[in-house]
Structure formats: structure tokens, C-alpha cells
Amino acid sequence: MNTDSPFTNLENTPHDDAVLPRLRISFAITIIGLLIFAIGTKPNLFGWDRSPVVGFVQIAVFLMGLAFICLGGYMGIVTLWSGYERTIISEIGSRIVATGFVVCVFAGLADVFGMGSQAYPQVPYFGPLQATGVLIGQVIIAIGFLLLIPNRLHKN
């Protein structure tokens, strides 16, 4: 076997007995979040759509699902760092994930906060501007997750 290879084999990597259970839990949280997110965005897939517009409850449900997706993804990727010191880039990535979620929450609930296109007495409306804001927040979350991915191809 070539010992000069930058790739490490399984025998040489530090192994923690709690890694696999943590990965399974994070995967389960992410899948539950995806299900909640799907219920919030498209309740008619489950036969639960009772309104022609996207209202406050629907927005709150898909934001809660997005929170579970972010939590599960963060737990899973941080578990991959087990046995290694996290880099500054990964620390920045975790903060970018949190910032992207805050952008999603603020954009999604802009009408509730009084910053959206509907004034307070009217029913909150999830319009194209809010959808664009949530999409931008999700792109920010994705960039943060990309920065969190461990890079172990360098020599120690």
C-alpha cells in the first residue's frame, strides 16, 4: 500500500463509537424535517390543503421543517469532524448556516413582522418577494453546509 497517499484508510482514522449512532440520529432528524417542510410547502400532497393562499400557519410549519433540516444536517456534518480539530472555515460555515436560517425566517414572516407587502389587519401573504427571500436564505444555508464539509485530503 502506498503510504504517501493523501487519502487515509479506515485503520488510520480516529474512530469514536458514538459516530454511527449520531449520524443515524442526525439523518432521522433531517428526514423528519424534510417531511415537515413538505407538509408546510405542499399540504395538498397529503390532502390537508384548506386554503387557496399560503398563510401564517403554513409558513410557520415549513420554517419549522427547515429548522429541523438545518439541525440534522449540522449534527451530521459536525459528527464527520469527530476526532479532528475543526477549521476556521467550518466554524464560519456553521455561522453561515445559522445566518441563512435567520434570513429565511425573516423573509418568510415579513408580513407578520410588519415589513411585508400586506399591512397588519390583512392576512399574512407569502408572495413572490417573500419566496425569493426564503430561496436566498436557503442558498446561504447550502453555502454554509458546503463550508462545513471536512477536508481530510491534506497531510497532517
N, C-alpha and C. Protein backbone atom coordinates (compact mmCIF):
# COMPACT_ATOMS: atom_id res chain seq x y z
N MET A 1 0.84 -1.17 0.00
CA MET A 1 0.00 0.00 0.00
C MET A 1 0.88 1.24 0.00
N ASN A 2 0.47 2.25 -0.73
CA ASN A 2 1.22 3.49 -0.84
C ASN A 2 0.99 4.33 0.41
N THR A 3 2.06 4.57 1.18
CA THR A 3 1.91 5.34 2.42
C THR A 3 1.98 6.84 2.16
N ASP A 4 2.39 7.25 0.94
CA ASP A 4 2.46 8.67 0.63
C ASP A 4 1.14 9.22 0.11
N SER A 5 0.13 8.40 0.02
CA SER A 5 -1.16 8.84 -0.49
C SER A 5 -1.82 9.82 0.49
N PRO A 6 -2.42 10.88 -0.03
CA PRO A 6 -3.09 11.83 0.86
C PRO A 6 -4.40 11.26 1.43
N PHE A 7 -4.87 10.15 0.87
CA PHE A 7 -6.10 9.54 1.36
C PHE A 7 -5.77 8.67 2.56
N THR A 8 -6.59 8.77 3.58
CA THR A 8 -6.36 7.94 4.76
C THR A 8 -7.30 6.76 4.72
N ASN A 9 -6.80 5.61 5.13
CA ASN A 9 -7.66 4.43 5.17
C ASN A 9 -8.36 4.36 6.52
N LEU A 10 -9.29 3.45 6.65
CA LEU A 10 -10.10 3.38 7.86
C LEU A 10 -9.30 2.97 9.09
N GLU A 11 -8.22 2.23 8.91
CA GLU A 11 -7.45 1.80 10.06
C GLU A 11 -6.71 2.97 10.71
N ASN A 12 -6.38 4.00 9.93
CA ASN A 12 -5.59 5.11 10.45
C ASN A 12 -6.43 6.25 10.99
N THR A 13 -7.72 6.25 10.75
CA THR A 13 -8.54 7.36 11.22
C THR A 13 -8.99 7.13 12.65
N PRO A 14 -9.02 8.19 13.46
CA PRO A 14 -9.53 8.03 14.81
C PRO A 14 -11.00 7.64 14.75
N HIS A 15 -11.38 6.68 15.57
CA HIS A 15 -12.75 6.19 15.49
C HIS A 15 -13.43 6.33 16.84
N ASP A 16 -14.60 6.91 16.82
CA ASP A 16 -15.39 7.10 18.02
C ASP A 16 -16.59 6.17 17.93
N ASP A 17 -16.89 5.47 19.01
CA ASP A 17 -18.01 4.53 18.99
C ASP A 17 -19.36 5.22 18.85
N ALA A 18 -19.43 6.50 19.13
CA ALA A 18 -20.71 7.21 19.07
C ALA A 18 -20.96 7.85 17.71
N VAL A 19 -20.06 7.70 16.75
CA VAL A 19 -20.21 8.36 15.45
C VAL A 19 -21.42 7.81 14.69
N LEU A 20 -21.53 6.52 14.56
CA LEU A 20 -22.62 5.94 13.79
C LEU A 20 -23.99 6.24 14.39
N PRO A 21 -24.19 6.10 15.69
CA PRO A 21 -25.50 6.49 16.24
C PRO A 21 -25.82 7.96 16.04
N ARG A 22 -24.82 8.83 16.18
CA ARG A 22 -25.06 10.26 15.96
C ARG A 22 -25.43 10.54 14.51
N LEU A 23 -24.77 9.85 13.58
CA LEU A 23 -25.12 10.03 12.17
C LEU A 23 -26.55 9.56 11.89
N ARG A 24 -26.93 8.44 12.50
CA ARG A 24 -28.30 7.95 12.30
C ARG A 24 -29.33 8.90 12.88
N ILE A 25 -29.06 9.44 14.06
CA ILE A 25 -29.99 10.39 14.66
C ILE A 25 -30.08 11.65 13.82
N SER A 26 -28.95 12.15 13.34
CA SER A 26 -28.98 13.36 12.51
C SER A 26 -29.71 13.11 11.20
N PHE A 27 -29.54 11.92 10.63
CA PHE A 27 -30.26 11.58 9.40
C PHE A 27 -31.76 11.51 9.66
N ALA A 28 -32.15 10.93 10.80
CA ALA A 28 -33.57 10.84 11.14
C ALA A 28 -34.17 12.23 11.36
N ILE A 29 -33.44 13.12 12.04
CA ILE A 29 -33.93 14.48 12.25
C ILE A 29 -34.08 15.20 10.92
N THR A 30 -33.13 15.02 10.02
CA THR A 30 -33.20 15.66 8.70
C THR A 30 -34.39 15.15 7.90
N ILE A 31 -34.66 13.85 7.93
CA ILE A 31 -35.80 13.29 7.20
C ILE A 31 -37.11 13.78 7.80
N ILE A 32 -37.19 13.83 9.13
CA ILE A 32 -38.40 14.37 9.78
C ILE A 32 -38.59 15.83 9.38
N GLY A 33 -37.50 16.59 9.35
CA GLY A 33 -37.57 17.98 8.91
C GLY A 33 -38.03 18.12 7.48
N LEU A 34 -37.56 17.22 6.61
CA LEU A 34 -37.98 17.24 5.22
C LEU A 34 -39.48 16.95 5.10
N LEU A 35 -39.97 16.03 5.90
CA LEU A 35 -41.39 15.72 5.91
C LEU A 35 -42.22 16.92 6.39
N ILE A 36 -41.78 17.55 7.48
CA ILE A 36 -42.48 18.73 7.99
C ILE A 36 -42.42 19.86 6.96
N PHE A 37 -41.26 20.04 6.33
CA PHE A 37 -41.10 21.07 5.30
C PHE A 37 -42.06 20.81 4.13
N ALA A 38 -42.18 19.55 3.72
CA ALA A 38 -43.09 19.20 2.63
C ALA A 38 -44.54 19.45 3.03
N ILE A 39 -44.89 19.15 4.27
CA ILE A 39 -46.25 19.43 4.74
C ILE A 39 -46.52 20.92 4.70
N GLY A 40 -45.53 21.74 5.08
CA GLY A 40 -45.72 23.18 5.08
C GLY A 40 -45.79 23.78 3.69
N THR A 41 -44.98 23.28 2.78
CA THR A 41 -44.96 23.87 1.45
C THR A 41 -46.07 23.35 0.56
N LYS A 42 -46.35 22.08 0.62
CA LYS A 42 -47.38 21.47 -0.23
C LYS A 42 -48.32 20.59 0.59
N PRO A 43 -49.20 21.17 1.41
CA PRO A 43 -50.09 20.32 2.21
C PRO A 43 -51.10 19.55 1.36
N ASN A 44 -51.33 20.01 0.12
CA ASN A 44 -52.27 19.29 -0.75
C ASN A 44 -51.74 17.91 -1.15
N LEU A 45 -50.42 17.67 -1.03
CA LEU A 45 -49.89 16.33 -1.28
C LEU A 45 -50.40 15.32 -0.26
N PHE A 46 -50.74 15.82 0.92
CA PHE A 46 -51.23 14.97 1.99
C PHE A 46 -52.74 15.09 2.18
N GLY A 47 -53.40 15.88 1.31
CA GLY A 47 -54.83 16.09 1.42
C GLY A 47 -55.21 17.02 2.54
N TRP A 48 -54.30 17.90 2.96
CA TRP A 48 -54.55 18.78 4.10
C TRP A 48 -54.71 20.24 3.70
N ASP A 49 -54.75 20.56 2.42
CA ASP A 49 -54.84 21.94 1.99
C ASP A 49 -56.25 22.46 2.16
N ARG A 50 -56.41 23.49 2.97
CA ARG A 50 -57.74 24.05 3.22
C ARG A 50 -57.85 25.50 2.81
N SER A 51 -56.79 26.06 2.25
CA SER A 51 -56.79 27.47 1.91
C SER A 51 -56.14 27.68 0.56
N PRO A 52 -56.65 28.62 -0.24
CA PRO A 52 -56.02 28.89 -1.53
C PRO A 52 -54.73 29.70 -1.43
N VAL A 53 -54.48 30.32 -0.28
CA VAL A 53 -53.26 31.12 -0.11
C VAL A 53 -52.37 30.45 0.92
N VAL A 54 -51.12 30.86 0.92
CA VAL A 54 -50.17 30.38 1.92
C VAL A 54 -50.25 31.32 3.11
N GLY A 55 -50.77 30.84 4.23
CA GLY A 55 -50.97 31.68 5.41
C GLY A 55 -49.89 31.50 6.45
N PHE A 56 -50.14 32.10 7.61
CA PHE A 56 -49.17 32.10 8.69
C PHE A 56 -48.81 30.69 9.17
N VAL A 57 -49.82 29.85 9.37
CA VAL A 57 -49.57 28.50 9.89
C VAL A 57 -48.71 27.70 8.91
N GLN A 58 -49.03 27.81 7.65
CA GLN A 58 -48.27 27.08 6.63
C GLN A 58 -46.82 27.58 6.58
N ILE A 59 -46.63 28.88 6.68
CA ILE A 59 -45.28 29.44 6.69
C ILE A 59 -44.52 28.96 7.93
N ALA A 60 -45.19 28.99 9.08
CA ALA A 60 -44.54 28.56 10.32
C ALA A 60 -44.16 27.08 10.26
N VAL A 61 -45.00 26.26 9.64
CA VAL A 61 -44.72 24.83 9.55
C VAL A 61 -43.51 24.58 8.65
N PHE A 62 -43.45 25.23 7.48
CA PHE A 62 -42.29 24.93 6.63
C PHE A 62 -41.01 25.54 7.19
N LEU A 63 -41.11 26.63 7.96
CA LEU A 63 -39.91 27.15 8.61
C LEU A 63 -39.45 26.23 9.74
N MET A 64 -40.40 25.60 10.44
CA MET A 64 -40.03 24.63 11.47
C MET A 64 -39.36 23.41 10.82
N GLY A 65 -39.88 22.97 9.67
CA GLY A 65 -39.24 21.87 8.95
C GLY A 65 -37.84 22.24 8.49
N LEU A 66 -37.67 23.47 8.03
CA LEU A 66 -36.35 23.93 7.63
C LEU A 66 -35.40 23.97 8.82
N ALA A 67 -35.92 24.32 10.00
CA ALA A 67 -35.08 24.32 11.21
C ALA A 67 -34.60 22.91 11.52
N PHE A 68 -35.49 21.92 11.40
CA PHE A 68 -35.09 20.53 11.64
C PHE A 68 -34.08 20.06 10.60
N ILE A 69 -34.25 20.47 9.35
CA ILE A 69 -33.29 20.10 8.31
C ILE A 69 -31.91 20.69 8.63
N CYS A 70 -31.89 21.96 9.03
CA CYS A 70 -30.61 22.59 9.38
C CYS A 70 -29.98 21.93 10.60
N LEU A 71 -30.78 21.63 11.62
CA LEU A 71 -30.26 20.99 12.82
C LEU A 71 -29.70 19.60 12.52
N GLY A 72 -30.46 18.80 11.79
CA GLY A 72 -29.99 17.45 11.45
C GLY A 72 -28.76 17.48 10.57
N GLY A 73 -28.74 18.37 9.59
CA GLY A 73 -27.57 18.48 8.72
C GLY A 73 -26.34 18.94 9.48
N TYR A 74 -26.53 19.91 10.37
CA TYR A 74 -25.41 20.40 11.18
C TYR A 74 -24.87 19.29 12.07
N MET A 75 -25.78 18.56 12.74
CA MET A 75 -25.34 17.46 13.62
C MET A 75 -24.57 16.40 12.83
N GLY A 76 -25.05 16.07 11.64
CA GLY A 76 -24.39 15.05 10.84
C GLY A 76 -23.03 15.46 10.35
N ILE A 77 -22.92 16.68 9.85
CA ILE A 77 -21.63 17.12 9.32
C ILE A 77 -20.62 17.35 10.43
N VAL A 78 -21.07 17.88 11.57
CA VAL A 78 -20.14 18.06 12.69
C VAL A 78 -19.68 16.71 13.22
N THR A 79 -20.54 15.69 13.14
CA THR A 79 -20.14 14.34 13.55
C THR A 79 -19.03 13.82 12.65
N LEU A 80 -19.02 14.20 11.40
CA LEU A 80 -17.95 13.76 10.49
C LEU A 80 -16.59 14.35 10.89
N TRP A 81 -16.60 15.41 11.68
CA TRP A 81 -15.36 16.01 12.18
C TRP A 81 -14.84 15.29 13.41
N SER A 82 -15.51 14.23 13.85
CA SER A 82 -15.13 13.52 15.07
C SER A 82 -13.68 13.06 15.00
N GLY A 83 -12.91 13.43 16.00
CA GLY A 83 -11.51 13.05 16.06
C GLY A 83 -10.58 14.04 15.39
N TYR A 84 -11.11 15.07 14.80
CA TYR A 84 -10.30 16.08 14.12
C TYR A 84 -10.66 17.45 14.66
N GLU A 85 -9.70 18.34 14.63
CA GLU A 85 -9.97 19.71 15.04
C GLU A 85 -10.65 20.44 13.89
N ARG A 86 -11.74 21.13 14.21
CA ARG A 86 -12.46 21.87 13.16
C ARG A 86 -11.66 23.08 12.73
N THR A 87 -11.74 23.37 11.44
CA THR A 87 -11.02 24.52 10.89
C THR A 87 -11.85 25.79 11.05
N ILE A 88 -11.21 26.90 10.83
CA ILE A 88 -11.91 28.18 10.92
C ILE A 88 -12.98 28.28 9.83
N ILE A 89 -12.73 27.67 8.68
CA ILE A 89 -13.71 27.68 7.60
C ILE A 89 -14.97 26.95 8.02
N SER A 90 -14.82 25.84 8.74
CA SER A 90 -16.01 25.11 9.19
C SER A 90 -16.77 25.90 10.25
N GLU A 91 -16.04 26.63 11.09
CA GLU A 91 -16.71 27.48 12.08
C GLU A 91 -17.49 28.59 11.40
N ILE A 92 -16.90 29.16 10.36
CA ILE A 92 -17.60 30.19 9.58
C ILE A 92 -18.81 29.58 8.90
N GLY A 93 -18.68 28.35 8.39
CA GLY A 93 -19.79 27.66 7.74
C GLY A 93 -20.96 27.45 8.68
N SER A 94 -20.69 27.10 9.93
CA SER A 94 -21.79 26.90 10.88
C SER A 94 -22.52 28.21 11.15
N ARG A 95 -21.80 29.30 11.18
CA ARG A 95 -22.45 30.60 11.37
C ARG A 95 -23.22 31.04 10.14
N ILE A 96 -22.72 30.67 8.97
CA ILE A 96 -23.44 30.99 7.73
C ILE A 96 -24.73 30.20 7.64
N VAL A 97 -24.73 28.94 8.10
CA VAL A 97 -25.97 28.15 8.13
C VAL A 97 -27.01 28.85 9.02
N ALA A 98 -26.58 29.29 10.20
CA ALA A 98 -27.49 29.97 11.11
C ALA A 98 -27.98 31.29 10.52
N THR A 99 -27.10 32.01 9.84
CA THR A 99 -27.50 33.28 9.22
C THR A 99 -28.50 33.03 8.10
N GLY A 100 -28.29 32.00 7.31
CA GLY A 100 -29.24 31.67 6.25
C GLY A 100 -30.61 31.32 6.80
N PHE A 101 -30.64 30.62 7.94
CA PHE A 101 -31.93 30.30 8.54
C PHE A 101 -32.62 31.57 9.04
N VAL A 102 -31.87 32.49 9.62
CA VAL A 102 -32.46 33.75 10.07
C VAL A 102 -33.01 34.53 8.87
N VAL A 103 -32.31 34.52 7.76
CA VAL A 103 -32.80 35.19 6.55
C VAL A 103 -34.12 34.54 6.10
N CYS A 104 -34.19 33.22 6.13
CA CYS A 104 -35.42 32.51 5.76
C CYS A 104 -36.57 32.87 6.68
N VAL A 105 -36.32 32.90 7.97
CA VAL A 105 -37.38 33.23 8.93
C VAL A 105 -37.85 34.66 8.73
N PHE A 106 -36.92 35.58 8.59
CA PHE A 106 -37.32 36.97 8.43
C PHE A 106 -38.06 37.19 7.11
N ALA A 107 -37.59 36.56 6.04
CA ALA A 107 -38.27 36.72 4.75
C ALA A 107 -39.63 36.04 4.77
N GLY A 108 -39.72 34.86 5.36
CA GLY A 108 -40.98 34.14 5.39
C GLY A 108 -42.04 34.82 6.24
N LEU A 109 -41.61 35.40 7.34
CA LEU A 109 -42.55 36.05 8.26
C LEU A 109 -42.51 37.57 8.15
N ALA A 110 -42.13 38.09 7.00
CA ALA A 110 -42.02 39.53 6.82
C ALA A 110 -43.35 40.24 7.06
N ASP A 111 -44.45 39.66 6.62
CA ASP A 111 -45.76 40.28 6.85
C ASP A 111 -46.11 40.31 8.32
N VAL A 112 -45.75 39.26 9.03
CA VAL A 112 -46.04 39.20 10.47
C VAL A 112 -45.21 40.25 11.21
N PHE A 113 -43.97 40.47 10.76
CA PHE A 113 -43.11 41.47 11.39
C PHE A 113 -43.46 42.89 10.96
N GLY A 114 -44.39 43.05 10.02
CA GLY A 114 -44.78 44.37 9.54
C GLY A 114 -43.89 44.91 8.44
N MET A 115 -43.08 44.09 7.84
CA MET A 115 -42.16 44.53 6.79
C MET A 115 -42.56 44.02 5.41
N GLY A 116 -43.62 43.27 5.32
CA GLY A 116 -44.01 42.65 4.06
C GLY A 116 -44.96 43.51 3.25
N SER A 117 -45.57 42.91 2.25
CA SER A 117 -46.45 43.64 1.34
C SER A 117 -47.86 43.80 1.88
N GLN A 118 -48.24 43.02 2.91
CA GLN A 118 -49.57 43.10 3.50
C GLN A 118 -49.48 43.87 4.82
N ALA A 119 -50.37 44.83 5.00
CA ALA A 119 -50.42 45.57 6.26
C ALA A 119 -51.03 44.69 7.34
N TYR A 120 -50.91 45.09 8.63
CA TYR A 120 -51.31 44.24 9.74
C TYR A 120 -52.75 43.74 9.72
N PRO A 121 -53.75 44.56 9.45
CA PRO A 121 -55.10 43.98 9.55
C PRO A 121 -55.37 42.88 8.52
N GLN A 122 -54.62 42.87 7.44
CA GLN A 122 -54.82 41.86 6.41
C GLN A 122 -54.12 40.56 6.80
N VAL A 123 -54.58 39.47 6.20
CA VAL A 123 -53.99 38.16 6.45
C VAL A 123 -52.58 38.12 5.86
N PRO A 124 -51.59 37.59 6.63
CA PRO A 124 -50.23 37.48 6.06
C PRO A 124 -50.25 36.68 4.77
N TYR A 125 -49.48 37.15 3.81
CA TYR A 125 -49.46 36.57 2.47
C TYR A 125 -48.03 36.23 2.10
N PHE A 126 -47.80 35.02 1.65
CA PHE A 126 -46.47 34.60 1.22
C PHE A 126 -46.37 34.85 -0.27
N GLY A 127 -45.90 36.01 -0.63
CA GLY A 127 -45.84 36.40 -2.03
C GLY A 127 -44.50 36.13 -2.66
N PRO A 128 -44.32 36.63 -3.89
CA PRO A 128 -43.08 36.36 -4.62
C PRO A 128 -41.83 36.96 -3.97
N LEU A 129 -41.98 38.11 -3.30
CA LEU A 129 -40.81 38.69 -2.63
C LEU A 129 -40.38 37.84 -1.44
N GLN A 130 -41.36 37.36 -0.68
CA GLN A 130 -41.03 36.50 0.44
C GLN A 130 -40.43 35.18 -0.04
N ALA A 131 -40.98 34.64 -1.12
CA ALA A 131 -40.46 33.38 -1.67
C ALA A 131 -39.01 33.57 -2.14
N THR A 132 -38.73 34.70 -2.76
CA THR A 132 -37.36 34.98 -3.19
C THR A 132 -36.42 35.11 -1.99
N GLY A 133 -36.89 35.77 -0.93
CA GLY A 133 -36.07 35.90 0.28
C GLY A 133 -35.77 34.56 0.92
N VAL A 134 -36.79 33.68 0.98
CA VAL A 134 -36.58 32.35 1.54
C VAL A 134 -35.61 31.56 0.67
N LEU A 135 -35.74 31.68 -0.63
CA LEU A 135 -34.82 30.98 -1.54
C LEU A 135 -33.39 31.47 -1.36
N ILE A 136 -33.21 32.77 -1.21
CA ILE A 136 -31.87 33.31 -0.97
C ILE A 136 -31.32 32.78 0.35
N GLY A 137 -32.17 32.71 1.37
CA GLY A 137 -31.74 32.15 2.65
C GLY A 137 -31.33 30.69 2.53
N GLN A 138 -32.06 29.93 1.72
CA GLN A 138 -31.71 28.52 1.53
C GLN A 138 -30.39 28.36 0.77
N VAL A 139 -30.11 29.26 -0.16
CA VAL A 139 -28.82 29.23 -0.85
C VAL A 139 -27.70 29.53 0.14
N ILE A 140 -27.94 30.49 1.04
CA ILE A 140 -26.94 30.81 2.07
C ILE A 140 -26.70 29.60 2.97
N ILE A 141 -27.78 28.90 3.34
CA ILE A 141 -27.65 27.69 4.16
C ILE A 141 -26.82 26.64 3.42
N ALA A 142 -27.07 26.46 2.13
CA ALA A 142 -26.32 25.48 1.35
C ALA A 142 -24.83 25.83 1.28
N ILE A 143 -24.52 27.11 1.12
CA ILE A 143 -23.11 27.54 1.12
C ILE A 143 -22.46 27.25 2.46
N GLY A 144 -23.19 27.50 3.55
CA GLY A 144 -22.67 27.20 4.88
C GLY A 144 -22.39 25.72 5.06
N PHE A 145 -23.31 24.87 4.57
CA PHE A 145 -23.08 23.42 4.68
C PHE A 145 -21.88 22.99 3.84
N LEU A 146 -21.68 23.60 2.69
CA LEU A 146 -20.51 23.25 1.87
C LEU A 146 -19.21 23.61 2.59
N LEU A 147 -19.23 24.72 3.32
CA LEU A 147 -18.04 25.10 4.07
C LEU A 147 -17.81 24.19 5.28
N LEU A 148 -18.86 23.55 5.76
CA LEU A 148 -18.74 22.66 6.92
C LEU A 148 -18.16 21.30 6.58
N ILE A 149 -18.18 20.91 5.34
CA ILE A 149 -17.73 19.57 4.96
C ILE A 149 -16.25 19.40 5.27
N PRO A 150 -15.89 18.33 6.01
CA PRO A 150 -14.47 18.15 6.36
C PRO A 150 -13.63 17.80 5.15
N ASN A 151 -12.45 18.39 5.08
CA ASN A 151 -11.50 18.11 4.01
C ASN A 151 -10.28 17.45 4.65
N ARG A 152 -10.18 16.14 4.50
CA ARG A 152 -9.09 15.40 5.13
C ARG A 152 -8.06 14.92 4.10
N LEU A 153 -7.99 15.58 2.96
CA LEU A 153 -7.05 15.14 1.94
C LEU A 153 -5.65 15.73 2.12
N HIS A 154 -5.50 16.65 3.06
CA HIS A 154 -4.18 17.21 3.30
C HIS A 154 -3.42 16.36 4.32
N LYS A 155 -2.10 16.45 4.26
CA LYS A 155 -1.28 15.69 5.20
C LYS A 155 -1.24 16.43 6.54
N ASN A 156 -1.24 15.64 7.60
CA ASN A 156 -1.18 16.24 8.95
C ASN A 156 0.25 16.38 9.40
